[in-house]
Amino acid sequence: MITSISVENFRGIKSGRIEGLTDINILIGANGAGKSTLLEAVYLASAWAEPEDRIRNSIKFDVLVRRRSQRGNWSDFRKFLWYGMDISKNINISLSFKSGKATEFKIPHKSGSFPEDVIFLKINSEYVCPRGHPIEEEGITLGMTFDVREIYRTEEMKFLKGTELIDNMLYYNFELIERNVWPIIYGKRLDRKLIEFLKEGYEPDADSLTYIPITYTAYALMVGLSQTAVRIDDLGDGARTSLAITSILLTMENSVALVEDPEIHQHPAGLERLLSCVLEAAKSNNIQLFITTQSLDLIRILLSFYPSNCKIFALKRSPDGILK
């Protein structure tokens, strides 16, 4: 479990630290306070352990550049991730863990041609990329290589490897979840849990979930009702968002879920059912939760479910980029 996060020179945060993290961490604050940036910092750090996003079919660095504006890639747009676009300084992210160990990551603006050459982890006195090459001031030294296999085997890296960022990009593009999450759902017959979830919180008439062919190569996920069927895409926004979140969490284990504003389009009753499923999955699958929200209903429900395992962090960012 992550117990603290330190960030420097990333997006709107010049520097900041949040500590005392627990199983369920709720981040609140005004728009621009740094809530989403903290989620992205953990997601970016996880790219050392696994550079690919398994749901979006993209490297995590490109996801970070595109997810707010839906344009650009790391190669061309990465300077916008630096605080004040000051690329002369490195982005620094440090994570502490319940085990007592800490990981320090550095992202220089100058990087190599491989995704693995973007982010560097401090090992002893060197910063090393996932391929084992250490960094120098002017780029990457290819002449010396560390054996990083033991690093990948540590509990901290295993924990970071499965990190998932669950946000609007997935809430409104369910096809990504259909393609990359639902084969796991069906393989483990977790669809039965999701049907019960739909019946109790959103669609009492739901009795099945299945794929149907749309073209020779395209399929759509359908909710079977007693008299007809509807696409997941055509369910209410609240039900679709909830299915996206719960589907991903059910396929995770021993890792971190970064959930952005799950209350979107949710009626309080639906939100209560969603949070019940989220917390059940997190507890049974050992998932640490980071949730951003603007919803008092969400805070009230979470505190009523798990008052001892839940912490609320109210964030504020000063005009000079200091996170408090």
C-alpha atoms as a PDB file:
ATOM      1  CA  MET A   1       0.000   0.000   0.000  1.00  0.00           C
ATOM      2  CA  ILE A   2       1.189   3.513  -0.849  1.00  0.00           C
ATOM      3  CA  THR A   3       1.484   5.687   2.278  1.00  0.00           C
ATOM      4  CA  SER A   4       2.757   8.959   0.789  1.00  0.00           C
ATOM      5  CA  ILE A   5       3.152  10.734  -2.562  1.00  0.00           C
ATOM      6  CA  SER A   6       5.568  13.568  -3.322  1.00  0.00           C
ATOM      7  CA  VAL A   7       5.409  15.470  -6.622  1.00  0.00           C
ATOM      8  CA  GLU A   8       7.611  18.148  -8.186  1.00  0.00           C
ATOM      9  CA  ASN A   9       7.261  20.069 -11.460  1.00  0.00           C
ATOM     10  CA  PHE A  10       4.257  18.107 -12.736  1.00  0.00           C
ATOM     11  CA  ARG A  11       1.289  19.828 -14.389  1.00  0.00           C
ATOM     12  CA  GLY A  12       0.052  22.552 -11.997  1.00  0.00           C
ATOM     13  CA  ILE A  13       2.079  21.320  -9.031  1.00  0.00           C
ATOM     14  CA  LYS A  14       5.486  22.866  -8.462  1.00  0.00           C
ATOM     15  CA  SER A  15       5.877  20.831  -5.296  1.00  0.00           C
ATOM     16  CA  GLY A  16       3.651  19.012  -2.861  1.00  0.00           C
ATOM     17  CA  ARG A  17       3.367  16.025  -0.594  1.00  0.00           C
ATOM     18  CA  ILE A  18       0.425  14.022   0.703  1.00  0.00           C
ATOM     19  CA  GLU A  19       1.017  11.490   3.455  1.00  0.00           C
ATOM     20  CA  GLY A  20      -0.895   9.279   5.841  1.00  0.00           C
ATOM     21  CA  LEU A  21      -2.576   7.466   2.959  1.00  0.00           C
ATOM     22  CA  THR A  22      -4.764   4.479   3.741  1.00  0.00           C
ATOM     23  CA  ASP A  23      -6.946   1.878   1.983  1.00  0.00           C
ATOM     24  CA  ILE A  24      -9.525   4.372   0.675  1.00  0.00           C
ATOM     25  CA  ASN A  25      -8.332   7.907  -0.061  1.00  0.00           C
ATOM     26  CA  ILE A  26     -10.787  10.625  -1.075  1.00  0.00           C
ATOM     27  CA  LEU A  27      -9.343  13.756  -2.688  1.00  0.00           C
ATOM     28  CA  ILE A  28     -11.503  16.872  -2.567  1.00  0.00           C
ATOM     29  CA  GLY A  29     -10.845  20.509  -3.399  1.00  0.00           C
ATOM     30  CA  ALA A  30     -11.699  23.309  -5.780  1.00  0.00           C
ATOM     31  CA  ASN A  31     -11.199  22.964  -9.517  1.00  0.00           C
ATOM     32  CA  GLY A  32      -7.467  23.068 -10.244  1.00  0.00           C
ATOM     33  CA  ALA A  33      -6.494  22.099  -6.694  1.00  0.00           C
ATOM     34  CA  GLY A  34      -4.389  19.176  -7.937  1.00  0.00           C
ATOM     35  CA  LYS A  35      -6.705  16.205  -7.365  1.00  0.00           C
ATOM     36  CA  SER A  36      -6.394  14.698 -10.841  1.00  0.00           C
ATOM     37  CA  THR A  37      -2.693  15.554 -10.971  1.00  0.00           C
ATOM     38  CA  LEU A  38      -2.053  13.341  -7.950  1.00  0.00           C
ATOM     39  CA  LEU A  39      -3.857  10.460  -9.662  1.00  0.00           C
ATOM     40  CA  GLU A  40      -1.767  11.044 -12.769  1.00  0.00           C
ATOM     41  CA  ALA A  41       1.441  11.128 -10.725  1.00  0.00           C
ATOM     42  CA  VAL A  42       0.809   7.602  -9.409  1.00  0.00           C
ATOM     43  CA  TYR A  43      -0.185   6.476 -12.914  1.00  0.00           C
ATOM     44  CA  LEU A  44       3.010   7.978 -14.356  1.00  0.00           C
ATOM     45  CA  ALA A  45       5.158   6.312 -11.685  1.00  0.00           C
ATOM     46  CA  SER A  46       3.530   2.967 -12.506  1.00  0.00           C
ATOM     47  CA  ALA A  47       4.833   3.261 -16.071  1.00  0.00           C
ATOM     48  CA  TRP A  48       8.258   2.164 -14.845  1.00  0.00           C
ATOM     49  CA  ALA A  49       6.769  -1.188 -13.841  1.00  0.00           C
ATOM     50  CA  GLU A  50       4.461  -1.380 -16.900  1.00  0.00           C
ATOM     51  CA  PRO A  51       4.588   1.241 -19.688  1.00  0.00           C
ATOM     52  CA  GLU A  52       1.498  -0.086 -21.513  1.00  0.00           C
ATOM     53  CA  ASP A  53      -2.089   0.683 -20.514  1.00  0.00           C
ATOM     54  CA  ARG A  54      -3.871  -2.655 -20.907  1.00  0.00           C
ATOM     55  CA  ILE A  55      -7.311  -1.124 -21.450  1.00  0.00           C
ATOM     56  CA  ARG A  56      -6.508   1.801 -23.744  1.00  0.00           C
ATOM     57  CA  ASN A  57      -4.011  -0.088 -25.973  1.00  0.00           C
ATOM     58  CA  SER A  58      -1.572   2.785 -25.641  1.00  0.00           C
ATOM     59  CA  ILE A  59       1.554   3.669 -23.715  1.00  0.00           C
ATOM     60  CA  LYS A  60       0.794   5.477 -20.473  1.00  0.00           C
ATOM     61  CA  PHE A  61       2.818   8.531 -21.462  1.00  0.00           C
ATOM     62  CA  ASP A  62       0.567   9.140 -24.479  1.00  0.00           C
ATOM     63  CA  VAL A  63      -2.531   8.573 -22.321  1.00  0.00           C
ATOM     64  CA  LEU A  64      -1.400  11.309 -19.926  1.00  0.00           C
ATOM     65  CA  VAL A  65      -0.861  13.790 -22.736  1.00  0.00           C
ATOM     66  CA  ARG A  66      -4.183  13.050 -24.458  1.00  0.00           C
ATOM     67  CA  ARG A  67      -6.626  12.349 -21.685  1.00  0.00           C
ATOM     68  CA  ARG A  68      -7.597  15.951 -20.893  1.00  0.00           C
ATOM     69  CA  SER A  69      -7.598  17.387 -24.416  1.00  0.00           C
ATOM     70  CA  GLN A  70      -7.915  14.245 -26.588  1.00  0.00           C
ATOM     71  CA  ARG A  71      -5.014  15.332 -28.790  1.00  0.00           C
ATOM     72  CA  GLY A  72      -1.267  15.008 -29.121  1.00  0.00           C
ATOM     73  CA  ASN A  73       1.284  12.410 -28.060  1.00  0.00           C
ATOM     74  CA  TRP A  74       4.256  12.260 -25.731  1.00  0.00           C
ATOM     75  CA  SER A  75       6.821  13.101 -28.405  1.00  0.00           C
ATOM     76  CA  ASP A  76       5.137  16.339 -29.485  1.00  0.00           C
ATOM     77  CA  PHE A  77       3.095  17.524 -26.500  1.00  0.00           C
ATOM     78  CA  ARG A  78       4.983  16.376 -23.412  1.00  0.00           C
ATOM     79  CA  LYS A  79       6.201  19.865 -22.455  1.00  0.00           C
ATOM     80  CA  PHE A  80       2.649  20.691 -21.312  1.00  0.00           C
ATOM     81  CA  LEU A  81       3.057  18.181 -18.462  1.00  0.00           C
ATOM     82  CA  TRP A  82       5.887  20.232 -16.939  1.00  0.00           C
ATOM     83  CA  TYR A  83       5.022  22.879 -14.369  1.00  0.00           C
ATOM     84  CA  GLY A  84       5.028  26.204 -16.170  1.00  0.00           C
ATOM     85  CA  MET A  85       6.357  24.287 -19.213  1.00  0.00           C
ATOM     86  CA  ASP A  86       9.787  24.686 -17.603  1.00  0.00           C
ATOM     87  CA  ILE A  87      11.498  21.713 -19.237  1.00  0.00           C
ATOM     88  CA  SER A  88      14.873  22.607 -17.730  1.00  0.00           C
ATOM     89  CA  LYS A  89      13.787  20.837 -14.530  1.00  0.00           C
ATOM     90  CA  ASN A  90      12.882  17.177 -14.119  1.00  0.00           C
ATOM     91  CA  ILE A  91       9.517  15.878 -13.030  1.00  0.00           C
ATOM     92  CA  ASN A  92      10.091  14.056  -9.731  1.00  0.00           C
ATOM     93  CA  ILE A  93       7.655  11.610  -8.130  1.00  0.00           C
ATOM     94  CA  SER A  94       8.339   9.745  -4.884  1.00  0.00           C
ATOM     95  CA  LEU A  95       6.131   7.041  -3.383  1.00  0.00           C
ATOM     96  CA  SER A  96       6.460   5.537   0.088  1.00  0.00           C
ATOM     97  CA  PHE A  97       4.958   2.147   0.929  1.00  0.00           C
ATOM     98  CA  LYS A  98       3.587   0.427   3.996  1.00  0.00           C
ATOM     99  CA  SER A  99       6.593  -1.909   3.830  1.00  0.00           C
ATOM    100  CA  GLY A 100       8.800   1.056   4.748  1.00  0.00           C
ATOM    101  CA  LYS A 101      10.417   1.171   1.310  1.00  0.00           C
ATOM    102  CA  ALA A 102      10.352   4.216  -0.958  1.00  0.00           C
ATOM    103  CA  THR A 103      10.663   4.641  -4.710  1.00  0.00           C
ATOM    104  CA  GLU A 104      11.961   7.795  -6.383  1.00  0.00           C
ATOM    105  CA  PHE A 105      11.187   8.438 -10.051  1.00  0.00           C
ATOM    106  CA  LYS A 106      12.592  11.066 -12.381  1.00  0.00           C
ATOM    107  CA  ILE A 107      11.204  12.083 -15.786  1.00  0.00           C
ATOM    108  CA  PRO A 108      13.590  14.282 -17.797  1.00  0.00           C
ATOM    109  CA  HIS A 109      12.292  16.200 -20.791  1.00  0.00           C
ATOM    110  CA  LYS A 110      15.060  14.645 -22.867  1.00  0.00           C
ATOM    111  CA  SER A 111      14.279  10.984 -23.325  1.00  0.00           C
ATOM    112  CA  GLY A 112      15.161   8.113 -25.585  1.00  0.00           C
ATOM    113  CA  SER A 113      13.256   6.684 -28.528  1.00  0.00           C
ATOM    114  CA  PHE A 114      11.697   3.812 -26.548  1.00  0.00           C
ATOM    115  CA  PRO A 115       8.782   4.176 -24.106  1.00  0.00           C
ATOM    116  CA  GLU A 116      10.972   2.478 -21.513  1.00  0.00           C
ATOM    117  CA  ASP A 117      13.452   5.362 -21.752  1.00  0.00           C
ATOM    118  CA  VAL A 118      11.027   8.020 -20.493  1.00  0.00           C
ATOM    119  CA  ILE A 119      10.982   7.328 -16.760  1.00  0.00           C
ATOM    120  CA  PHE A 120      13.858   6.491 -14.391  1.00  0.00           C
ATOM    121  CA  LEU A 121      13.884   4.849 -10.962  1.00  0.00           C
ATOM    122  CA  LYS A 122      16.554   5.578  -8.365  1.00  0.00           C
ATOM    123  CA  ILE A 123      18.556   2.417  -7.677  1.00  0.00           C
ATOM    124  CA  ASN A 124      21.387   2.993  -5.214  1.00  0.00           C
ATOM    125  CA  SER A 125      22.848   6.262  -6.475  1.00  0.00           C
ATOM    126  CA  GLU A 126      21.763   5.953 -10.136  1.00  0.00           C
ATOM    127  CA  TYR A 127      18.507   6.655 -11.931  1.00  0.00           C
ATOM    128  CA  VAL A 128      17.760   3.700 -14.213  1.00  0.00           C
ATOM    129  CA  CYS A 129      15.122   3.162 -16.897  1.00  0.00           C
ATOM    130  CA  PRO A 130      13.140  -0.127 -17.090  1.00  0.00           C
ATOM    131  CA  ARG A 131      15.629  -1.482 -19.641  1.00  0.00           C
ATOM    132  CA  GLY A 132      18.453  -0.970 -17.162  1.00  0.00           C
ATOM    133  CA  HIS A 133      20.169   2.052 -18.738  1.00  0.00           C
ATOM    134  CA  PRO A 134      21.195   4.820 -16.341  1.00  0.00           C
ATOM    135  CA  ILE A 135      20.599   8.489 -17.090  1.00  0.00           C
ATOM    136  CA  GLU A 136      23.102  11.308 -17.425  1.00  0.00           C
ATOM    137  CA  GLU A 137      22.534  15.036 -17.676  1.00  0.00           C
ATOM    138  CA  GLU A 138      22.573  14.959 -21.473  1.00  0.00           C
ATOM    139  CA  GLY A 139      20.525  11.843 -22.052  1.00  0.00           C
ATOM    140  CA  ILE A 140      20.854   8.119 -21.629  1.00  0.00           C
ATOM    141  CA  THR A 141      24.090   6.214 -21.160  1.00  0.00           C
ATOM    142  CA  LEU A 142      23.877   3.075 -23.256  1.00  0.00           C
ATOM    143  CA  GLY A 143      27.285   1.738 -22.289  1.00  0.00           C
ATOM    144  CA  MET A 144      26.305   0.399 -18.879  1.00  0.00           C
ATOM    145  CA  THR A 145      23.253  -1.667 -17.990  1.00  0.00           C
ATOM    146  CA  PHE A 146      21.845  -2.621 -14.600  1.00  0.00           C
ATOM    147  CA  ASP A 147      20.211  -5.982 -14.010  1.00  0.00           C
ATOM    148  CA  VAL A 148      16.725  -4.794 -13.069  1.00  0.00           C
ATOM    149  CA  ARG A 149      15.059  -8.215 -12.898  1.00  0.00           C
ATOM    150  CA  GLU A 150      15.129  -8.257  -9.111  1.00  0.00           C
ATOM    151  CA  ILE A 151      13.474  -4.828  -9.007  1.00  0.00           C
ATOM    152  CA  TYR A 152      10.508  -6.135 -11.002  1.00  0.00           C
ATOM    153  CA  ARG A 153      10.082  -8.931  -8.459  1.00  0.00           C
ATOM    154  CA  THR A 154       9.696  -6.612  -5.466  1.00  0.00           C
ATOM    155  CA  GLU A 155       6.246  -6.310  -3.899  1.00  0.00           C
ATOM    156  CA  GLU A 156       6.276  -2.556  -4.530  1.00  0.00           C
ATOM    157  CA  MET A 157       6.777  -2.934  -8.288  1.00  0.00           C
ATOM    158  CA  LYS A 158       4.240  -5.743  -8.520  1.00  0.00           C
ATOM    159  CA  PHE A 159       1.780  -3.474  -6.729  1.00  0.00           C
ATOM    160  CA  LEU A 160       2.419  -0.574  -9.131  1.00  0.00           C
ATOM    161  CA  LYS A 161       2.368  -2.742 -12.250  1.00  0.00           C
ATOM    162  CA  GLY A 162      -1.387  -3.307 -12.139  1.00  0.00           C
ATOM    163  CA  THR A 163      -2.305   0.345 -11.571  1.00  0.00           C
ATOM    164  CA  GLU A 164      -5.434   1.450 -13.439  1.00  0.00           C
ATOM    165  CA  LEU A 165      -6.585   5.004 -14.170  1.00  0.00           C
ATOM    166  CA  ILE A 166     -10.397   4.962 -14.423  1.00  0.00           C
ATOM    167  CA  ASP A 167     -11.659   8.230 -15.877  1.00  0.00           C
ATOM    168  CA  ASN A 168     -13.951   9.926 -18.390  1.00  0.00           C
ATOM    169  CA  MET A 169     -11.954   8.487 -21.275  1.00  0.00           C
ATOM    170  CA  LEU A 170     -13.244   5.061 -20.227  1.00  0.00           C
ATOM    171  CA  TYR A 171     -16.696   6.127 -19.019  1.00  0.00           C
ATOM    172  CA  TYR A 172     -17.506   7.440 -22.505  1.00  0.00           C
ATOM    173  CA  ASN A 173     -15.611   4.880 -24.587  1.00  0.00           C
ATOM    174  CA  PHE A 174     -17.025   1.591 -23.397  1.00  0.00           C
ATOM    175  CA  GLU A 175     -15.725  -0.177 -26.490  1.00  0.00           C
ATOM    176  CA  LEU A 176     -12.258  -0.234 -24.901  1.00  0.00           C
ATOM    177  CA  ILE A 177     -13.688  -2.086 -21.913  1.00  0.00           C
ATOM    178  CA  GLU A 178     -15.673  -4.436 -24.154  1.00  0.00           C
ATOM    179  CA  ARG A 179     -12.514  -5.427 -26.004  1.00  0.00           C
ATOM    180  CA  ASN A 180      -9.941  -5.576 -23.237  1.00  0.00           C
ATOM    181  CA  VAL A 181     -11.766  -6.208 -19.960  1.00  0.00           C
ATOM    182  CA  TRP A 182     -14.816  -8.259 -20.821  1.00  0.00           C
ATOM    183  CA  PRO A 183     -12.938 -11.301 -22.139  1.00  0.00           C
ATOM    184  CA  ILE A 184     -11.527 -11.580 -18.586  1.00  0.00           C
ATOM    185  CA  ILE A 185     -14.981 -10.948 -17.092  1.00  0.00           C
ATOM    186  CA  TYR A 186     -16.519 -13.784 -19.113  1.00  0.00           C
ATOM    187  CA  GLY A 187     -13.540 -16.077 -18.605  1.00  0.00           C
ATOM    188  CA  LYS A 188     -14.012 -15.874 -14.833  1.00  0.00           C
ATOM    189  CA  ARG A 189     -17.841 -15.664 -15.074  1.00  0.00           C
ATOM    190  CA  LEU A 190     -17.807 -12.365 -13.246  1.00  0.00           C
ATOM    191  CA  ASP A 191     -20.659 -11.285 -15.518  1.00  0.00           C
ATOM    192  CA  ARG A 192     -23.062 -12.864 -13.025  1.00  0.00           C
ATOM    193  CA  LYS A 193     -21.937 -10.382 -10.371  1.00  0.00           C
ATOM    194  CA  LEU A 194     -22.446  -7.512 -12.796  1.00  0.00           C
ATOM    195  CA  ILE A 195     -25.959  -8.642 -13.693  1.00  0.00           C
ATOM    196  CA  GLU A 196     -26.889  -8.626 -10.002  1.00  0.00           C
ATOM    197  CA  PHE A 197     -25.323  -5.193  -9.707  1.00  0.00           C
ATOM    198  CA  LEU A 198     -27.417  -3.903 -12.646  1.00  0.00           C
ATOM    199  CA  LYS A 199     -30.614  -5.445 -11.314  1.00  0.00           C
ATOM    200  CA  GLU A 200     -30.222  -3.978  -7.846  1.00  0.00           C
ATOM    201  CA  GLY A 201     -29.029  -0.497  -8.776  1.00  0.00           C
ATOM    202  CA  TYR A 202     -30.147   0.421 -12.272  1.00  0.00           C
ATOM    203  CA  GLU A 203     -32.192  -1.999 -14.365  1.00  0.00           C
ATOM    204  CA  PRO A 204     -34.404  -4.462 -12.419  1.00  0.00           C
ATOM    205  CA  ASP A 205     -35.399  -6.184 -15.671  1.00  0.00           C
ATOM    206  CA  ALA A 206     -31.800  -7.122 -16.636  1.00  0.00           C
ATOM    207  CA  ASP A 207     -31.153 -10.857 -16.833  1.00  0.00           C
ATOM    208  CA  SER A 208     -28.044 -11.353 -19.003  1.00  0.00           C
ATOM    209  CA  LEU A 209     -25.017  -9.755 -20.669  1.00  0.00           C
ATOM    210  CA  THR A 210     -23.801 -10.974 -24.039  1.00  0.00           C
ATOM    211  CA  TYR A 211     -22.018  -9.958 -27.238  1.00  0.00           C
ATOM    212  CA  ILE A 212     -23.871  -9.712 -30.541  1.00  0.00           C
ATOM    213  CA  PRO A 213     -22.280  -9.235 -33.995  1.00  0.00           C
ATOM    214  CA  ILE A 214     -22.723  -5.831 -35.616  1.00  0.00           C
ATOM    215  CA  THR A 215     -20.532  -6.432 -38.679  1.00  0.00           C
ATOM    216  CA  TYR A 216     -18.217  -9.283 -39.666  1.00  0.00           C
ATOM    217  CA  THR A 217     -15.527  -7.915 -37.352  1.00  0.00           C
ATOM    218  CA  ALA A 218     -17.391  -5.731 -34.834  1.00  0.00           C
ATOM    219  CA  TYR A 219     -19.388  -6.803 -31.785  1.00  0.00           C
ATOM    220  CA  ALA A 220     -21.370  -4.924 -29.156  1.00  0.00           C
ATOM    221  CA  LEU A 221     -22.083  -5.829 -25.552  1.00  0.00           C
ATOM    222  CA  MET A 222     -25.806  -6.098 -24.858  1.00  0.00           C
ATOM    223  CA  VAL A 223     -27.931  -6.172 -21.729  1.00  0.00           C
ATOM    224  CA  GLY A 224     -30.673  -8.768 -22.057  1.00  0.00           C
ATOM    225  CA  LEU A 225     -34.065  -7.757 -20.693  1.00  0.00           C
ATOM    226  CA  SER A 226     -37.211  -9.860 -20.357  1.00  0.00           C
ATOM    227  CA  GLN A 227     -38.679  -8.661 -23.676  1.00  0.00           C
ATOM    228  CA  THR A 228     -35.743  -7.125 -25.582  1.00  0.00           C
ATOM    229  CA  ALA A 229     -32.071  -6.127 -25.299  1.00  0.00           C
ATOM    230  CA  VAL A 230     -30.147  -2.837 -25.327  1.00  0.00           C
ATOM    231  CA  ARG A 231     -26.529  -1.955 -25.978  1.00  0.00           C
ATOM    232  CA  ILE A 232     -24.415  -0.998 -22.989  1.00  0.00           C
ATOM    233  CA  ASP A 233     -23.844   2.258 -24.892  1.00  0.00           C
ATOM    234  CA  ASP A 234     -27.594   2.969 -24.754  1.00  0.00           C
ATOM    235  CA  LEU A 235     -28.014   2.468 -21.018  1.00  0.00           C
ATOM    236  CA  GLY A 236     -28.265   5.569 -18.891  1.00  0.00           C
ATOM    237  CA  ASP A 237     -24.999   7.406 -18.335  1.00  0.00           C
ATOM    238  CA  GLY A 238     -24.970   6.472 -14.666  1.00  0.00           C
ATOM    239  CA  ALA A 239     -25.371   2.751 -15.343  1.00  0.00           C
ATOM    240  CA  ARG A 240     -22.717   2.774 -18.056  1.00  0.00           C
ATOM    241  CA  THR A 241     -20.214   4.634 -15.871  1.00  0.00           C
ATOM    242  CA  SER A 242     -20.869   2.227 -13.006  1.00  0.00           C
ATOM    243  CA  LEU A 243     -20.381  -0.815 -15.243  1.00  0.00           C
ATOM    244  CA  ALA A 244     -17.094   0.610 -16.505  1.00  0.00           C
ATOM    245  CA  ILE A 245     -15.759   1.125 -12.980  1.00  0.00           C
ATOM    246  CA  THR A 246     -16.918  -2.188 -11.528  1.00  0.00           C
ATOM    247  CA  SER A 247     -15.815  -4.203 -14.577  1.00  0.00           C
ATOM    248  CA  ILE A 248     -12.257  -2.919 -14.266  1.00  0.00           C
ATOM    249  CA  LEU A 249     -12.056  -3.349 -10.493  1.00  0.00           C
ATOM    250  CA  LEU A 250     -13.285  -6.950 -10.674  1.00  0.00           C
ATOM    251  CA  THR A 251     -10.337  -7.824 -12.943  1.00  0.00           C
ATOM    252  CA  MET A 252      -7.720  -6.152 -10.709  1.00  0.00           C
ATOM    253  CA  GLU A 253      -5.783  -7.665  -7.834  1.00  0.00           C
ATOM    254  CA  ASN A 254      -3.140  -6.397  -5.380  1.00  0.00           C
ATOM    255  CA  SER A 255      -2.790  -2.984  -6.951  1.00  0.00           C
ATOM    256  CA  VAL A 256      -3.947   0.655  -7.136  1.00  0.00           C
ATOM    257  CA  ALA A 257      -7.185   1.995  -8.643  1.00  0.00           C
ATOM    258  CA  LEU A 258      -7.235   5.703  -9.485  1.00  0.00           C
ATOM    259  CA  VAL A 259     -10.895   6.634  -9.905  1.00  0.00           C
ATOM    260  CA  GLU A 260     -11.852  10.077 -11.160  1.00  0.00           C
ATOM    261  CA  ASP A 261     -15.247  11.548 -10.221  1.00  0.00           C
ATOM    262  CA  PRO A 262     -17.321   8.332 -10.099  1.00  0.00           C
ATOM    263  CA  GLU A 263     -20.418  10.336  -9.119  1.00  0.00           C
ATOM    264  CA  ILE A 264     -20.892  11.608 -12.693  1.00  0.00           C
ATOM    265  CA  HIS A 265     -24.560  11.187 -13.754  1.00  0.00           C
ATOM    266  CA  GLN A 266     -25.341   9.191 -10.598  1.00  0.00           C
ATOM    267  CA  HIS A 267     -28.570   9.335  -8.639  1.00  0.00           C
ATOM    268  CA  PRO A 268     -27.770   9.006  -4.895  1.00  0.00           C
ATOM    269  CA  ALA A 269     -29.329   5.523  -4.778  1.00  0.00           C
ATOM    270  CA  GLY A 270     -27.272   4.377  -7.772  1.00  0.00           C
ATOM    271  CA  LEU A 271     -24.153   5.963  -6.291  1.00  0.00           C
ATOM    272  CA  GLU A 272     -24.688   4.056  -3.052  1.00  0.00           C
ATOM    273  CA  ARG A 273     -24.961   0.760  -4.934  1.00  0.00           C
ATOM    274  CA  LEU A 274     -21.866   1.610  -7.030  1.00  0.00           C
ATOM    275  CA  LEU A 275     -19.767   2.441  -3.977  1.00  0.00           C
ATOM    276  CA  SER A 276     -20.903  -0.731  -2.241  1.00  0.00           C
ATOM    277  CA  CYS A 277     -19.601  -2.790  -5.195  1.00  0.00           C
ATOM    278  CA  VAL A 278     -16.406  -0.720  -5.470  1.00  0.00           C
ATOM    279  CA  LEU A 279     -15.580  -1.215  -1.808  1.00  0.00           C
ATOM    280  CA  GLU A 280     -16.425  -4.917  -1.927  1.00  0.00           C
ATOM    281  CA  ALA A 281     -14.111  -5.445  -4.909  1.00  0.00           C
ATOM    282  CA  ALA A 282     -11.345  -3.367  -3.319  1.00  0.00           C
ATOM    283  CA  LYS A 283     -11.508  -5.316  -0.078  1.00  0.00           C
ATOM    284  CA  SER A 284     -11.643  -8.801  -1.649  1.00  0.00           C
ATOM    285  CA  ASN A 285      -8.969  -8.065  -4.296  1.00  0.00           C
ATOM    286  CA  ASN A 286      -6.604  -5.971  -2.130  1.00  0.00           C
ATOM    287  CA  ILE A 287      -6.989  -2.779  -4.165  1.00  0.00           C
ATOM    288  CA  GLN A 288      -5.960   0.573  -2.741  1.00  0.00           C
ATOM    289  CA  LEU A 289      -8.407   3.269  -3.843  1.00  0.00           C
ATOM    290  CA  PHE A 290      -7.735   6.890  -4.731  1.00  0.00           C
ATOM    291  CA  ILE A 291     -10.980   8.681  -5.586  1.00  0.00           C
ATOM    292  CA  THR A 292     -11.443  12.310  -6.616  1.00  0.00           C
ATOM    293  CA  THR A 293     -14.857  13.821  -6.060  1.00  0.00           C
ATOM    294  CA  GLN A 294     -16.945  16.957  -5.734  1.00  0.00           C
ATOM    295  CA  SER A 295     -19.886  15.031  -4.271  1.00  0.00           C
ATOM    296  CA  LEU A 296     -20.966  15.317  -0.637  1.00  0.00           C
ATOM    297  CA  ASP A 297     -23.214  12.293  -1.210  1.00  0.00           C
ATOM    298  CA  LEU A 298     -20.189  10.194  -2.120  1.00  0.00           C
ATOM    299  CA  ILE A 299     -18.295  11.282   0.993  1.00  0.00           C
ATOM    300  CA  ARG A 300     -21.307  10.608   3.230  1.00  0.00           C
ATOM    301  CA  ILE A 301     -21.824   7.123   1.760  1.00  0.00           C
ATOM    302  CA  LEU A 302     -18.166   6.142   2.003  1.00  0.00           C
ATOM    303  CA  LEU A 303     -17.869   7.275   5.600  1.00  0.00           C
ATOM    304  CA  SER A 304     -20.994   5.344   6.517  1.00  0.00           C
ATOM    305  CA  PHE A 305     -19.580   2.154   4.929  1.00  0.00           C
ATOM    306  CA  TYR A 306     -15.939   2.294   6.038  1.00  0.00           C
ATOM    307  CA  PRO A 307     -15.311   5.063   8.571  1.00  0.00           C
ATOM    308  CA  SER A 308     -12.104   3.458   9.879  1.00  0.00           C
ATOM    309  CA  ASN A 309     -10.473   2.679   6.498  1.00  0.00           C
ATOM    310  CA  CYS A 310     -11.322   5.923   4.713  1.00  0.00           C
ATOM    311  CA  LYS A 311      -9.513   9.273   4.780  1.00  0.00           C
ATOM    312  CA  ILE A 312     -10.491  12.555   3.184  1.00  0.00           C
ATOM    313  CA  PHE A 313      -7.758  14.888   1.946  1.00  0.00           C
ATOM    314  CA  ALA A 314      -8.804  18.467   1.215  1.00  0.00           C
ATOM    315  CA  LEU A 315      -6.320  19.871  -1.296  1.00  0.00           C
ATOM    316  CA  LYS A 316      -5.424  23.460  -2.033  1.00  0.00           C
ATOM    317  CA  ARG A 317      -2.856  24.752  -4.510  1.00  0.00           C
ATOM    318  CA  SER A 318      -1.270  28.158  -4.019  1.00  0.00           C
ATOM    319  CA  PRO A 319      -0.738  30.566  -6.947  1.00  0.00           C
ATOM    320  CA  ASP A 320       2.933  29.564  -7.039  1.00  0.00           C
ATOM    321  CA  GLY A 321       2.083  25.866  -7.420  1.00  0.00           C
ATOM    322  CA  ILE A 322       2.591  24.640  -3.844  1.00  0.00           C
ATOM    323  CA  LEU A 323       0.170  21.853  -2.942  1.00  0.00           C
ATOM    324  CA  LYS A 324      -1.138  21.825   0.624  1.00  0.00           C
END
